């Protein structure tokens, strides 16, 4: 339903943000596996509640620029 709405009401800015959010979620999931981190361990590294990180991994969250920067910095280390 949402995908159809996006196709019909296409907004390049929203599409770009959605793509970035999904890429970040994918990178978080990959990094957790590669580094053997649990959601709890990762959430402590970025000082975010584990429940919030779980929402991210389900794709139920839009990231702020600040949060994106923090996540990217943590993933690089």
Protein backbone atom coordinates (compact mmCIF):
# COMPACT_ATOMS: atom_id res chain seq x y z
CA UNK A 1 0.00 0.00 0.00
CA UNK A 2 2.75 2.45 0.95
CA UNK A 3 4.82 1.44 -2.05
CA UNK A 4 1.88 2.18 -4.35
CA UNK A 5 1.34 5.55 -2.71
CA UNK A 6 5.00 6.43 -3.16
CA UNK A 7 4.82 5.47 -6.85
CA UNK A 8 1.74 7.61 -7.36
CA UNK A 9 2.87 10.55 -5.25
CA UNK A 10 6.58 10.27 -5.93
CA UNK A 11 8.63 12.81 -4.05
CA UNK A 12 12.35 12.57 -4.82
CA UNK A 13 13.35 13.86 -1.37
CA UNK A 14 11.24 11.24 0.41
CA UNK A 15 12.49 8.52 -1.91
CA UNK A 16 16.10 9.52 -1.23
CA UNK A 17 15.57 9.57 2.55
CA UNK A 18 13.80 6.20 2.44
CA UNK A 19 16.67 4.72 0.43
CA UNK A 20 19.25 6.10 2.87
CA UNK A 21 17.30 4.77 5.86
CA UNK A 22 17.10 1.29 4.34
CA UNK A 23 20.80 1.33 3.44
CA UNK A 24 21.69 2.29 7.02
CA UNK A 25 19.50 -0.49 8.42
CA UNK A 26 21.16 -2.99 6.09
CA UNK A 27 24.63 -1.77 7.08
CA UNK A 28 23.78 -1.98 10.79
CA UNK A 29 22.57 -5.56 10.38
CA UNK A 30 25.69 -6.55 8.41
CA UNK A 31 28.00 -4.90 10.92
CA UNK A 32 26.31 -6.57 13.88
CA UNK A 33 26.88 -9.95 12.23
CA UNK A 34 30.45 -9.19 11.13
CA UNK A 35 31.49 -7.87 14.54
CA UNK A 36 29.45 -10.41 16.49
CA UNK A 37 27.57 -7.66 18.32
CA UNK A 38 24.15 -8.02 19.87
CA UNK A 39 21.55 -5.28 19.62
CA UNK A 40 22.21 -4.50 23.28
CA UNK A 41 25.97 -4.14 22.73
CA UNK A 42 25.49 -1.94 19.69
CA UNK A 43 22.93 0.21 21.47
CA UNK A 44 25.41 0.84 24.29
CA UNK A 45 28.08 1.87 21.77
CA UNK A 46 25.82 4.55 20.31
CA UNK A 47 24.00 5.35 23.57
CA UNK A 48 20.55 4.52 22.21
CA UNK A 49 17.97 2.26 23.90
CA UNK A 50 17.99 -1.33 22.60
CA UNK A 51 14.27 -1.07 21.80
CA UNK A 52 15.02 1.86 19.49
CA UNK A 53 17.75 -0.10 17.69
CA UNK A 54 15.32 -2.99 17.28
CA UNK A 55 12.84 -0.62 15.63
CA UNK A 56 15.59 0.47 13.24
CA UNK A 57 16.35 -3.09 12.26
CA UNK A 58 12.69 -3.69 11.47
CA UNK A 59 12.67 -0.62 9.20
CA UNK A 60 10.20 1.19 11.46
CA UNK A 61 12.19 4.33 11.95
CA UNK A 62 13.37 7.40 10.09
CA UNK A 63 16.80 8.58 11.15
CA UNK A 64 17.72 12.13 12.02
CA UNK A 65 20.89 13.50 10.48
CA UNK A 66 22.54 13.46 13.92
CA UNK A 67 21.66 9.81 14.48
CA UNK A 68 22.84 8.88 10.99
CA UNK A 69 26.20 10.54 11.69
CA UNK A 70 26.55 8.73 15.02
CA UNK A 71 25.67 5.38 13.49
CA UNK A 72 28.08 5.87 10.59
CA UNK A 73 30.88 6.83 12.97
CA UNK A 74 30.23 3.78 15.15
CA UNK A 75 30.09 1.46 12.14
CA UNK A 76 33.48 2.73 10.92
CA UNK A 77 35.16 1.76 14.20
